[in-house]
Each structure stands twice: as C-alpha cells, then as structure tokens.
Amino acid sequence: MFEKPLMIISLQTYFNPESSIKQLNKISQRAQPPTPARFT
C-alpha cells in the first residue's frame, strides 16, 4: 500500500534518520484514516 512513500522514507532514513523518524510519525498518524489518493 505504501510502496512509494516507503522508498522515499528509506532515502530520508539513509541521509537523515532523525527527520525521517518525524516523517514516519506524521505519515503513521495520517495513515490511520483511509487516504489512498495521497499514496498513489
């Protein structure tokens, strides 16, 4: 479901782990309601 964002997150994690953790927190909060359009 989250293939593209995970690829972007993996790049962010490789270059800047701290900011990627914040992004993961934001995405995890946003991913709770069904929003497939944002992840296509």
C-alpha atoms as a PDB file:
ATOM      1  CA  MET A   1       0.000   0.000   0.000  1.00  0.00           C
ATOM      2  CA  PHE A   2       2.808   2.419   0.888  1.00  0.00           C
ATOM      3  CA  GLU A   3       5.485   1.368  -1.565  1.00  0.00           C
ATOM      4  CA  LYS A   4       6.360   4.817  -2.921  1.00  0.00           C
ATOM      5  CA  PRO A   5       6.400   6.637   0.458  1.00  0.00           C
ATOM      6  CA  LEU A   6       8.484   3.816   1.951  1.00  0.00           C
ATOM      7  CA  MET A   7      11.019   4.252  -0.837  1.00  0.00           C
ATOM      8  CA  ILE A   8      11.187   7.981  -0.114  1.00  0.00           C
ATOM      9  CA  ILE A   9      11.394   7.335   3.621  1.00  0.00           C
ATOM     10  CA  SER A  10      14.198   4.833   3.120  1.00  0.00           C
ATOM     11  CA  LEU A  11      16.187   7.509   1.277  1.00  0.00           C
ATOM     12  CA  GLN A  12      15.457  10.039   4.015  1.00  0.00           C
ATOM     13  CA  THR A  13      16.438   7.480   6.646  1.00  0.00           C
ATOM     14  CA  TYR A  14      19.720   6.850   4.851  1.00  0.00           C
ATOM     15  CA  PHE A  15      20.657  10.517   4.666  1.00  0.00           C
ATOM     16  CA  ASN A  16      18.895  11.946   7.736  1.00  0.00           C
ATOM     17  CA  PRO A  17      17.475   9.435  10.237  1.00  0.00           C
ATOM     18  CA  GLU A  18      16.142  11.995  12.711  1.00  0.00           C
ATOM     19  CA  SER A  19      13.955  13.848  10.220  1.00  0.00           C
ATOM     20  CA  SER A  20      12.756  10.571   8.707  1.00  0.00           C
ATOM     21  CA  ILE A  21      11.546   9.434  12.116  1.00  0.00           C
ATOM     22  CA  LYS A  22       9.446  12.591  12.340  1.00  0.00           C
ATOM     23  CA  GLN A  23       8.118  11.927   8.844  1.00  0.00           C
ATOM     24  CA  LEU A  24       7.237   8.357   9.833  1.00  0.00           C
ATOM     25  CA  ASN A  25       5.318   9.679  12.829  1.00  0.00           C
ATOM     26  CA  LYS A  26       3.393  12.123  10.633  1.00  0.00           C
ATOM     27  CA  ILE A  27       2.647   9.505   7.989  1.00  0.00           C
ATOM     28  CA  SER A  28       1.594   6.947  10.599  1.00  0.00           C
ATOM     29  CA  GLN A  29      -0.843   9.483  12.036  1.00  0.00           C
ATOM     30  CA  ARG A  30      -2.165  10.381   8.589  1.00  0.00           C
ATOM     31  CA  ALA A  31      -2.343   6.752   7.523  1.00  0.00           C
ATOM     32  CA  GLN A  32      -4.928   5.888  10.163  1.00  0.00           C
ATOM     33  CA  PRO A  33      -7.840   7.301   8.116  1.00  0.00           C
ATOM     34  CA  PRO A  34      -8.114   5.754   4.632  1.00  0.00           C
ATOM     35  CA  THR A  35      -6.368   8.130   2.226  1.00  0.00           C
ATOM     36  CA  PRO A  36      -5.316   6.088  -0.822  1.00  0.00           C
ATOM     37  CA  ALA A  37      -5.172   9.120  -3.099  1.00  0.00           C
ATOM     38  CA  ARG A  38      -2.183  10.577  -1.265  1.00  0.00           C
ATOM     39  CA  PHE A  39      -0.138   7.399  -1.689  1.00  0.00           C
ATOM     40  CA  THR A  40      -0.715   6.778  -5.379  1.00  0.00           C
END
